[in-house]
Structure formats: structure tokens, C-alpha cells
Amino acid sequence: MTKKKNLSPKYQIWIDARKKFKLSHAHIQMARELGMNPKKFGNLANNHQESWKEPLPDFIESLYFKRFNKKKPENVGSVEQIVKDKKKIRAVQN
């Protein structure tokens, strides 16, 4: 039995989306920076019946390039790492 980490739903939804749609940490970070909603990834994903749709990772990359004129974010980190960093910052501030 696997233990689920005690993360807020705000971050847990991104982790679940990464696993469900087989996205990399970079794709998740790009989607977060674009302000995408992970609950809507199912509508955007190509399920091989809609051949006109771009695969979800490629779609995220193309949107990121259009908005920021960069192929990938500079500092890529996992959602788990972001949560750890925020906890460290809060501990230092208190």
C-alpha cells in the first residue's frame, strides 16, 4: 500500500495529472506558468481517435513557445520540490 503525501489539493492535482497523462516535470511547470487547469487536460489530450489533435506534451510546448519565446523553462523542478522549498522558506520566516 502506498502512502499519499499530505499535500494540499492545489499541488496534489498537478502530481495526479503528471502521472495520468505521462508528462514530465518540465511540461507540468510550463502548464503551471501558462495558467492551465489540470482538470481540463482530459479534453486537451489526444486519445488516438482525434488524429487532428496534437499530443498534450507537444501542445503545452507550442503554447509555451508562443507566449514566452522559449522552448523550456530555465529552472525545472518537480511539484514536490516546490512544496519543500516553500516549507523551508516558511520555516526560516518564522
PDB file of N, CA and C in Angstrom:
ATOM      1  N   MET A   1       0.836  -1.166   0.000  1.00  0.00           N
ATOM      2  CA  MET A   1       0.000   0.000   0.000  1.00  0.00           C
ATOM      3  C   MET A   1       0.891   1.241   0.000  1.00  0.00           C
ATOM      4  N   THR A   2       0.617   2.144  -0.884  1.00  0.00           N
ATOM      5  CA  THR A   2       1.433   3.349  -0.948  1.00  0.00           C
ATOM      6  C   THR A   2       0.815   4.439  -0.104  1.00  0.00           C
ATOM      7  N   LYS A   3       1.671   5.189   0.529  1.00  0.00           N
ATOM      8  CA  LYS A   3       1.207   6.309   1.334  1.00  0.00           C
ATOM      9  C   LYS A   3       1.104   7.542   0.454  1.00  0.00           C
ATOM     10  N   LYS A   4       0.022   8.260   0.611  1.00  0.00           N
ATOM     11  CA  LYS A   4      -0.134   9.512  -0.111  1.00  0.00           C
ATOM     12  C   LYS A   4       0.418  10.627   0.762  1.00  0.00           C
ATOM     13  N   LYS A   5       1.243  11.448   0.191  1.00  0.00           N
ATOM     14  CA  LYS A   5       1.825  12.543   0.958  1.00  0.00           C
ATOM     15  C   LYS A   5       0.747  13.561   1.303  1.00  0.00           C
ATOM     16  N   ASN A   6       0.922  14.217   2.403  1.00  0.00           N
ATOM     17  CA  ASN A   6      -0.030  15.223   2.837  1.00  0.00           C
ATOM     18  C   ASN A   6       0.252  16.543   2.140  1.00  0.00           C
ATOM     19  N   LEU A   7      -0.162  16.620   0.897  1.00  0.00           N
ATOM     20  CA  LEU A   7      -0.017  17.851   0.135  1.00  0.00           C
ATOM     21  C   LEU A   7      -1.386  18.486  -0.010  1.00  0.00           C
ATOM     22  N   SER A   8      -1.389  19.774  -0.170  1.00  0.00           N
ATOM     23  CA  SER A   8      -2.669  20.445  -0.376  1.00  0.00           C
ATOM     24  C   SER A   8      -3.225  20.026  -1.742  1.00  0.00           C
ATOM     25  N   PRO A   9      -4.540  20.050  -1.883  1.00  0.00           N
ATOM     26  CA  PRO A   9      -5.143  19.671  -3.172  1.00  0.00           C
ATOM     27  C   PRO A   9      -4.634  20.516  -4.330  1.00  0.00           C
ATOM     28  N   LYS A  10      -4.199  21.727  -4.027  1.00  0.00           N
ATOM     29  CA  LYS A  10      -3.659  22.628  -5.045  1.00  0.00           C
ATOM     30  C   LYS A  10      -2.455  22.006  -5.753  1.00  0.00           C
ATOM     31  N   TYR A  11      -1.616  21.309  -5.004  1.00  0.00           N
ATOM     32  CA  TYR A  11      -0.426  20.686  -5.583  1.00  0.00           C
ATOM     33  C   TYR A  11      -0.680  19.230  -5.968  1.00  0.00           C
ATOM     34  N   GLN A  12      -1.520  18.543  -5.229  1.00  0.00           N
ATOM     35  CA  GLN A  12      -1.767  17.128  -5.491  1.00  0.00           C
ATOM     36  C   GLN A  12      -2.393  16.924  -6.867  1.00  0.00           C
ATOM     37  N   ILE A  13      -3.222  17.853  -7.303  1.00  0.00           N
ATOM     38  CA  ILE A  13      -3.871  17.724  -8.605  1.00  0.00           C
ATOM     39  C   ILE A  13      -2.849  17.757  -9.739  1.00  0.00           C
ATOM     40  N   TRP A  14      -1.777  18.534  -9.561  1.00  0.00           N
ATOM     41  CA  TRP A  14      -0.718  18.588 -10.581  1.00  0.00           C
ATOM     42  C   TRP A  14       0.065  17.279 -10.618  1.00  0.00           C
ATOM     43  N   ILE A  15       0.296  16.687  -9.459  1.00  0.00           N
ATOM     44  CA  ILE A  15       1.010  15.415  -9.401  1.00  0.00           C
ATOM     45  C   ILE A  15       0.174  14.320 -10.059  1.00  0.00           C
ATOM     46  N   ASP A  16      -1.115  14.304  -9.778  1.00  0.00           N
ATOM     47  CA  ASP A  16      -2.006  13.313 -10.377  1.00  0.00           C
ATOM     48  C   ASP A  16      -2.074  13.476 -11.895  1.00  0.00           C
ATOM     49  N   ALA A  17      -2.123  14.718 -12.367  1.00  0.00           N
ATOM     50  CA  ALA A  17      -2.160  14.981 -13.812  1.00  0.00           C
ATOM     51  C   ALA A  17      -0.861  14.530 -14.471  1.00  0.00           C
ATOM     52  N   ARG A  18       0.272  14.750 -13.796  1.00  0.00           N
ATOM     53  CA  ARG A  18       1.566  14.327 -14.347  1.00  0.00           C
ATOM     54  C   ARG A  18       1.599  12.819 -14.536  1.00  0.00           C
ATOM     55  N   LYS A  19       1.080  12.087 -13.553  1.00  0.00           N
ATOM     56  CA  LYS A  19       1.080  10.622 -13.640  1.00  0.00           C
ATOM     57  C   LYS A  19       0.069  10.120 -14.666  1.00  0.00           C
ATOM     58  N   LYS A  20      -1.124  10.702 -14.678  1.00  0.00           N
ATOM     59  CA  LYS A  20      -2.192  10.230 -15.559  1.00  0.00           C
ATOM     60  C   LYS A  20      -1.869  10.449 -17.032  1.00  0.00           C
ATOM     61  N   PHE A  21      -1.319  11.600 -17.365  1.00  0.00           N
ATOM     62  CA  PHE A  21      -1.061  11.938 -18.761  1.00  0.00           C
ATOM     63  C   PHE A  21       0.399  11.747 -19.150  1.00  0.00           C
ATOM     64  N   LYS A  22       1.198  11.167 -18.249  1.00  0.00           N
ATOM     65  CA  LYS A  22       2.609  10.841 -18.504  1.00  0.00           C
ATOM     66  C   LYS A  22       3.390  12.060 -18.983  1.00  0.00           C
ATOM     67  N   LEU A  23       3.295  13.131 -18.208  1.00  0.00           N
ATOM     68  CA  LEU A  23       4.001  14.367 -18.519  1.00  0.00           C
ATOM     69  C   LEU A  23       5.278  14.460 -17.699  1.00  0.00           C
ATOM     70  N   SER A  24       6.230  15.203 -18.178  1.00  0.00           N
ATOM     71  CA  SER A  24       7.479  15.406 -17.447  1.00  0.00           C
ATOM     72  C   SER A  24       7.314  16.577 -16.481  1.00  0.00           C
ATOM     73  N   HIS A  25       8.296  16.738 -15.615  1.00  0.00           N
ATOM     74  CA  HIS A  25       8.287  17.861 -14.684  1.00  0.00           C
ATOM     75  C   HIS A  25       8.308  19.190 -15.451  1.00  0.00           C
ATOM     76  N   ALA A  26       9.035  19.211 -16.560  1.00  0.00           N
ATOM     77  CA  ALA A  26       9.112  20.435 -17.363  1.00  0.00           C
ATOM     78  C   ALA A  26       7.746  20.779 -17.955  1.00  0.00           C
ATOM     79  N   HIS A  27       7.018  19.776 -18.431  1.00  0.00           N
ATOM     80  CA  HIS A  27       5.699  20.036 -19.005  1.00  0.00           C
ATOM     81  C   HIS A  27       4.735  20.557 -17.943  1.00  0.00           C
ATOM     82  N   ILE A  28       4.811  20.002 -16.744  1.00  0.00           N
ATOM     83  CA  ILE A  28       3.947  20.465 -15.663  1.00  0.00           C
ATOM     84  C   ILE A  28       4.295  21.909 -15.299  1.00  0.00           C
ATOM     85  N   GLN A  29       5.574  22.226 -15.240  1.00  0.00           N
ATOM     86  CA  GLN A  29       5.974  23.592 -14.912  1.00  0.00           C
ATOM     87  C   GLN A  29       5.528  24.565 -16.001  1.00  0.00           C
ATOM     88  N   MET A  30       5.663  24.157 -17.258  1.00  0.00           N
ATOM     89  CA  MET A  30       5.210  25.027 -18.346  1.00  0.00           C
ATOM     90  C   MET A  30       3.704  25.257 -18.250  1.00  0.00           C
ATOM     91  N   ALA A  31       2.949  24.214 -17.981  1.00  0.00           N
ATOM     92  CA  ALA A  31       1.490  24.343 -17.872  1.00  0.00           C
ATOM     93  C   ALA A  31       1.105  25.238 -16.701  1.00  0.00           C
ATOM     94  N   ARG A  32       1.828  25.131 -15.593  1.00  0.00           N
ATOM     95  CA  ARG A  32       1.550  25.988 -14.433  1.00  0.00           C
ATOM     96  C   ARG A  32       1.854  27.442 -14.756  1.00  0.00           C
ATOM     97  N   GLU A  33       2.955  27.696 -15.445  1.00  0.00           N
ATOM     98  CA  GLU A  33       3.305  29.063 -15.815  1.00  0.00           C
ATOM     99  C   GLU A  33       2.307  29.648 -16.818  1.00  0.00           C
ATOM    100  N   LEU A  34       1.724  28.792 -17.653  1.00  0.00           N
ATOM    101  CA  LEU A  34       0.724  29.248 -18.610  1.00  0.00           C
ATOM    102  C   LEU A  34      -0.630  29.473 -17.954  1.00  0.00           C
ATOM    103  N   GLY A  35      -0.804  28.969 -16.743  1.00  0.00           N
ATOM    104  CA  GLY A  35      -2.079  29.129 -16.052  1.00  0.00           C
ATOM    105  C   GLY A  35      -3.113  28.115 -16.484  1.00  0.00           C
ATOM    106  N   MET A  36      -2.670  26.969 -16.960  1.00  0.00           N
ATOM    107  CA  MET A  36      -3.594  25.944 -17.412  1.00  0.00           C
ATOM    108  C   MET A  36      -4.250  25.250 -16.221  1.00  0.00           C
ATOM    109  N   ASN A  37      -5.412  24.674 -16.458  1.00  0.00           N
ATOM    110  CA  ASN A  37      -6.155  23.961 -15.440  1.00  0.00           C
ATOM    111  C   ASN A  37      -5.935  22.456 -15.647  1.00  0.00           C
ATOM    112  N   PRO A  38      -5.330  21.752 -14.672  1.00  0.00           N
ATOM    113  CA  PRO A  38      -5.057  20.328 -14.867  1.00  0.00           C
ATOM    114  C   PRO A  38      -6.327  19.488 -14.963  1.00  0.00           C
ATOM    115  N   LYS A  39      -7.438  19.997 -14.484  1.00  0.00           N
ATOM    116  CA  LYS A  39      -8.701  19.264 -14.597  1.00  0.00           C
ATOM    117  C   LYS A  39      -9.180  19.196 -16.041  1.00  0.00           C
ATOM    118  N   LYS A  40      -8.724  20.107 -16.877  1.00  0.00           N
ATOM    119  CA  LYS A  40      -9.146  20.178 -18.279  1.00  0.00           C
ATOM    120  C   LYS A  40      -8.205  19.430 -19.222  1.00  0.00           C
ATOM    121  N   PHE A  41      -7.156  18.794 -18.698  1.00  0.00           N
ATOM    122  CA  PHE A  41      -6.199  18.095 -19.553  1.00  0.00           C
ATOM    123  C   PHE A  41      -6.855  16.954 -20.324  1.00  0.00           C
ATOM    124  N   GLY A  42      -7.882  16.342 -19.772  1.00  0.00           N
ATOM    125  CA  GLY A  42      -8.567  15.253 -20.461  1.00  0.00           C
ATOM    126  C   GLY A  42      -9.187  15.705 -21.771  1.00  0.00           C
ATOM    127  N   ASN A  43      -9.690  16.931 -21.818  1.00  0.00           N
ATOM    128  CA  ASN A  43     -10.264  17.466 -23.056  1.00  0.00           C
ATOM    129  C   ASN A  43      -9.183  17.806 -24.071  1.00  0.00           C
ATOM    130  N   LEU A  44      -8.016  18.184 -23.579  1.00  0.00           N
ATOM    131  CA  LEU A  44      -6.934  18.602 -24.477  1.00  0.00           C
ATOM    132  C   LEU A  44      -6.111  17.424 -24.987  1.00  0.00           C
ATOM    133  N   ALA A  45      -6.124  16.314 -24.255  1.00  0.00           N
ATOM    134  CA  ALA A  45      -5.287  15.163 -24.603  1.00  0.00           C
ATOM    135  C   ALA A  45      -5.821  14.468 -25.848  1.00  0.00           C
ATOM    136  N   ASN A  46      -4.911  13.973 -26.663  1.00  0.00           N
ATOM    137  CA  ASN A  46      -5.249  13.224 -27.858  1.00  0.00           C
ATOM    138  C   ASN A  46      -5.392  11.763 -27.474  1.00  0.00           C
ATOM    139  N   ASN A  47      -6.573  11.203 -27.671  1.00  0.00           N
ATOM    140  CA  ASN A  47      -6.771   9.803 -27.305  1.00  0.00           C
ATOM    141  C   ASN A  47      -6.787   8.900 -28.530  1.00  0.00           C
ATOM    142  N   HIS A  48      -6.037   9.234 -29.540  1.00  0.00           N
ATOM    143  CA  HIS A  48      -5.823   8.473 -30.768  1.00  0.00           C
ATOM    144  C   HIS A  48      -7.069   8.345 -31.634  1.00  0.00           C
ATOM    145  N   GLN A  49      -8.223   8.836 -31.182  1.00  0.00           N
ATOM    146  CA  GLN A  49      -9.402   8.849 -32.037  1.00  0.00           C
ATOM    147  C   GLN A  49      -9.543  10.212 -32.704  1.00  0.00           C
ATOM    148  N   GLU A  50      -8.847  11.168 -32.182  1.00  0.00           N
ATOM    149  CA  GLU A  50      -8.884  12.516 -32.731  1.00  0.00           C
ATOM    150  C   GLU A  50      -7.507  12.826 -33.303  1.00  0.00           C
ATOM    151  N   SER A  51      -7.271  12.356 -34.506  1.00  0.00           N
ATOM    152  CA  SER A  51      -5.929  12.446 -35.090  1.00  0.00           C
ATOM    153  C   SER A  51      -5.523  13.886 -35.399  1.00  0.00           C
ATOM    154  N   TRP A  52      -6.480  14.793 -35.440  1.00  0.00           N
ATOM    155  CA  TRP A  52      -6.157  16.177 -35.732  1.00  0.00           C
ATOM    156  C   TRP A  52      -5.563  16.894 -34.533  1.00  0.00           C
ATOM    157  N   LYS A  53      -5.717  16.309 -33.337  1.00  0.00           N
ATOM    158  CA  LYS A  53      -5.186  16.956 -32.138  1.00  0.00           C
ATOM    159  C   LYS A  53      -3.704  16.652 -31.977  1.00  0.00           C
ATOM    160  N   GLU A  54      -3.008  17.643 -31.465  1.00  0.00           N
ATOM    161  CA  GLU A  54      -1.595  17.492 -31.144  1.00  0.00           C
ATOM    162  C   GLU A  54      -1.484  16.753 -29.804  1.00  0.00           C
ATOM    163  N   PRO A  55      -0.491  15.895 -29.611  1.00  0.00           N
ATOM    164  CA  PRO A  55      -0.320  15.269 -28.293  1.00  0.00           C
ATOM    165  C   PRO A  55      -0.149  16.332 -27.209  1.00  0.00           C
ATOM    166  N   LEU A  56      -0.622  16.038 -26.004  1.00  0.00           N
ATOM    167  CA  LEU A  56      -0.648  17.027 -24.921  1.00  0.00           C
ATOM    168  C   LEU A  56       0.717  17.639 -24.620  1.00  0.00           C
ATOM    169  N   PRO A  57       1.804  16.851 -24.516  1.00  0.00           N
ATOM    170  CA  PRO A  57       3.113  17.487 -24.255  1.00  0.00           C
ATOM    171  C   PRO A  57       3.522  18.466 -25.363  1.00  0.00           C
ATOM    172  N   ASP A  58       3.272  18.095 -26.615  1.00  0.00           N
ATOM    173  CA  ASP A  58       3.617  18.989 -27.725  1.00  0.00           C
ATOM    174  C   ASP A  58       2.747  20.237 -27.716  1.00  0.00           C
ATOM    175  N   PHE A  59       1.476  20.074 -27.352  1.00  0.00           N
ATOM    176  CA  PHE A  59       0.556  21.215 -27.281  1.00  0.00           C
ATOM    177  C   PHE A  59       1.015  22.205 -26.217  1.00  0.00           C
ATOM    178  N   ILE A  60       1.411  21.698 -25.061  1.00  0.00           N
ATOM    179  CA  ILE A  60       1.886  22.568 -23.982  1.00  0.00           C
ATOM    180  C   ILE A  60       3.156  23.299 -24.416  1.00  0.00           C
ATOM    181  N   GLU A  61       4.079  22.566 -25.066  1.00  0.00           N
ATOM    182  CA  GLU A  61       5.325  23.190 -25.539  1.00  0.00           C
ATOM    183  C   GLU A  61       5.048  24.284 -26.568  1.00  0.00           C
ATOM    184  N   SER A  62       4.109  24.039 -27.476  1.00  0.00           N
ATOM    185  CA  SER A  62       3.832  25.051 -28.504  1.00  0.00           C
ATOM    186  C   SER A  62       3.196  26.302 -27.889  1.00  0.00           C
ATOM    187  N   LEU A  63       2.296  26.129 -26.925  1.00  0.00           N
ATOM    188  CA  LEU A  63       1.708  27.287 -26.245  1.00  0.00           C
ATOM    189  C   LEU A  63       2.765  28.061 -25.471  1.00  0.00           C
ATOM    190  N   TYR A  64       3.670  27.334 -24.816  1.00  0.00           N
ATOM    191  CA  TYR A  64       4.732  27.983 -24.033  1.00  0.00           C
ATOM    192  C   TYR A  64       5.642  28.798 -24.943  1.00  0.00           C
ATOM    193  N   PHE A  65       5.971  28.220 -26.110  1.00  0.00           N
ATOM    194  CA  PHE A  65       6.845  28.930 -27.036  1.00  0.00           C
ATOM    195  C   PHE A  65       6.155  30.183 -27.584  1.00  0.00           C
ATOM    196  N   LYS A  66       4.854  30.086 -27.890  1.00  0.00           N
ATOM    197  CA  LYS A  66       4.120  31.250 -28.399  1.00  0.00           C
ATOM    198  C   LYS A  66       4.092  32.383 -27.380  1.00  0.00           C
ATOM    199  N   ARG A  67       3.911  32.034 -26.108  1.00  0.00           N
ATOM    200  CA  ARG A  67       3.769  33.080 -25.106  1.00  0.00           C
ATOM    201  C   ARG A  67       5.110  33.648 -24.663  1.00  0.00           C
ATOM    202  N   PHE A  68       6.098  32.775 -24.396  1.00  0.00           N
ATOM    203  CA  PHE A  68       7.347  33.229 -23.787  1.00  0.00           C
ATOM    204  C   PHE A  68       8.546  33.243 -24.736  1.00  0.00           C
ATOM    205  N   ASN A  69       8.408  32.742 -25.958  1.00  0.00           N
ATOM    206  CA  ASN A  69       9.508  32.635 -26.922  1.00  0.00           C
ATOM    207  C   ASN A  69      10.695  31.862 -26.364  1.00  0.00           C
ATOM    208  N   LYS A  70      10.400  30.864 -25.564  1.00  0.00           N
ATOM    209  CA  LYS A  70      11.425  29.951 -25.040  1.00  0.00           C
ATOM    210  C   LYS A  70      10.931  28.536 -25.244  1.00  0.00           C
ATOM    211  N   LYS A  71      11.864  27.620 -25.464  1.00  0.00           N
ATOM    212  CA  LYS A  71      11.469  26.221 -25.648  1.00  0.00           C
ATOM    213  C   LYS A  71      11.144  25.546 -24.328  1.00  0.00           C
ATOM    214  N   LYS A  72      11.937  25.812 -23.303  1.00  0.00           N
ATOM    215  CA  LYS A  72      11.752  25.182 -21.989  1.00  0.00           C
ATOM    216  C   LYS A  72      12.009  26.216 -20.897  1.00  0.00           C
ATOM    217  N   PRO A  73      11.439  26.008 -19.706  1.00  0.00           N
ATOM    218  CA  PRO A  73      11.750  26.912 -18.590  1.00  0.00           C
ATOM    219  C   PRO A  73      13.210  26.750 -18.161  1.00  0.00           C
ATOM    220  N   GLU A  74      13.757  27.791 -17.575  1.00  0.00           N
ATOM    221  CA  GLU A  74      15.174  27.770 -17.195  1.00  0.00           C
ATOM    222  C   GLU A  74      15.444  26.818 -16.031  1.00  0.00           C
ATOM    223  N   ASN A  75      14.699  26.951 -14.949  1.00  0.00           N
ATOM    224  CA  ASN A  75      14.897  26.104 -13.771  1.00  0.00           C
ATOM    225  C   ASN A  75      13.701  25.183 -13.621  1.00  0.00           C
ATOM    226  N   VAL A  76      13.906  23.919 -13.962  1.00  0.00           N
ATOM    227  CA  VAL A  76      12.822  22.953 -13.884  1.00  0.00           C
ATOM    228  C   VAL A  76      12.908  22.224 -12.547  1.00  0.00           C
ATOM    229  N   GLY A  77      11.782  22.185 -11.841  1.00  0.00           N
ATOM    230  CA  GLY A  77      11.716  21.462 -10.584  1.00  0.00           C
ATOM    231  C   GLY A  77      10.389  20.739 -10.488  1.00  0.00           C
ATOM    232  N   SER A  78      10.355  19.686  -9.717  1.00  0.00           N
ATOM    233  CA  SER A  78       9.118  18.937  -9.554  1.00  0.00           C
ATOM    234  C   SER A  78       8.185  19.685  -8.605  1.00  0.00           C
ATOM    235  N   VAL A  79       6.937  19.311  -8.614  1.00  0.00           N
ATOM    236  CA  VAL A  79       5.957  19.922  -7.725  1.00  0.00           C
ATOM    237  C   VAL A  79       6.331  19.625  -6.277  1.00  0.00           C
ATOM    238  N   GLU A  80       6.819  18.412  -6.045  1.00  0.00           N
ATOM    239  CA  GLU A  80       7.233  18.037  -4.693  1.00  0.00           C
ATOM    240  C   GLU A  80       8.364  18.934  -4.202  1.00  0.00           C
ATOM    241  N   GLN A  81       9.308  19.256  -5.093  1.00  0.00           N
ATOM    242  CA  GLN A  81      10.426  20.122  -4.731  1.00  0.00           C
ATOM    243  C   GLN A  81       9.941  21.539  -4.444  1.00  0.00           C
ATOM    244  N   ILE A  82       8.976  22.004  -5.193  1.00  0.00           N
ATOM    245  CA  ILE A  82       8.414  23.340  -4.967  1.00  0.00           C
ATOM    246  C   ILE A  82       7.788  23.416  -3.580  1.00  0.00           C
ATOM    247  N   VAL A  83       7.060  22.357  -3.192  1.00  0.00           N
ATOM    248  CA  VAL A  83       6.421  22.323  -1.869  1.00  0.00           C
ATOM    249  C   VAL A  83       7.482  22.327  -0.771  1.00  0.00           C
ATOM    250  N   LYS A  84       8.555  21.537  -0.955  1.00  0.00           N
ATOM    251  CA  LYS A  84       9.638  21.504   0.038  1.00  0.00           C
ATOM    252  C   LYS A  84      10.289  22.868   0.187  1.00  0.00           C
ATOM    253  N   ASP A  85      10.535  23.536  -0.937  1.00  0.00           N
ATOM    254  CA  ASP A  85      11.151  24.865  -0.893  1.00  0.00           C
ATOM    255  C   ASP A  85      10.266  25.874  -0.170  1.00  0.00           C
ATOM    256  N   LYS A  86       8.962  25.809  -0.422  1.00  0.00           N
ATOM    257  CA  LYS A  86       8.046  26.734   0.246  1.00  0.00           C
ATOM    258  C   LYS A  86       7.994  26.477   1.747  1.00  0.00           C
ATOM    259  N   LYS A  87       8.074  25.197   2.138  1.00  0.00           N
ATOM    260  CA  LYS A  87       8.080  24.873   3.566  1.00  0.00           C
ATOM    261  C   LYS A  87       9.349  25.393   4.232  1.00  0.00           C
ATOM    262  N   LYS A  88      10.488  25.292   3.547  1.00  0.00           N
ATOM    263  CA  LYS A  88      11.744  25.807   4.086  1.00  0.00           C
ATOM    264  C   LYS A  88      11.679  27.322   4.263  1.00  0.00           C
ATOM    265  N   ILE A  89      11.108  28.003   3.280  1.00  0.00           N
ATOM    266  CA  ILE A  89      11.005  29.464   3.353  1.00  0.00           C
ATOM    267  C   ILE A  89      10.115  29.872   4.524  1.00  0.00           C
ATOM    268  N   ARG A  90       9.005  29.152   4.703  1.00  0.00           N
ATOM    269  CA  ARG A  90       8.120  29.460   5.826  1.00  0.00           C
ATOM    270  C   ARG A  90       8.809  29.213   7.164  1.00  0.00           C
ATOM    271  N   ALA A  91       9.608  28.148   7.244  1.00  0.00           N
ATOM    272  CA  ALA A  91      10.312  27.830   8.491  1.00  0.00           C
ATOM    273  C   ALA A  91      11.331  28.913   8.814  1.00  0.00           C
ATOM    274  N   VAL A  92      12.016  29.431   7.807  1.00  0.00           N
ATOM    275  CA  VAL A  92      13.000  30.477   8.026  1.00  0.00           C
ATOM    276  C   VAL A  92      12.332  31.790   8.448  1.00  0.00           C
ATOM    277  N   GLN A  93      11.179  32.078   7.878  1.00  0.00           N
ATOM    278  CA  GLN A  93      10.477  33.318   8.210  1.00  0.00           C
ATOM    279  C   GLN A  93       9.922  33.296   9.629  1.00  0.00           C
ATOM    280  N   ASN A  94       9.573  32.117  10.136  1.00  0.00           N
ATOM    281  CA  ASN A  94       9.005  32.035  11.485  1.00  0.00           C
ATOM    282  C   ASN A  94      10.090  31.985  12.477  1.00  0.00           C
TER     283      ASN A  94
END
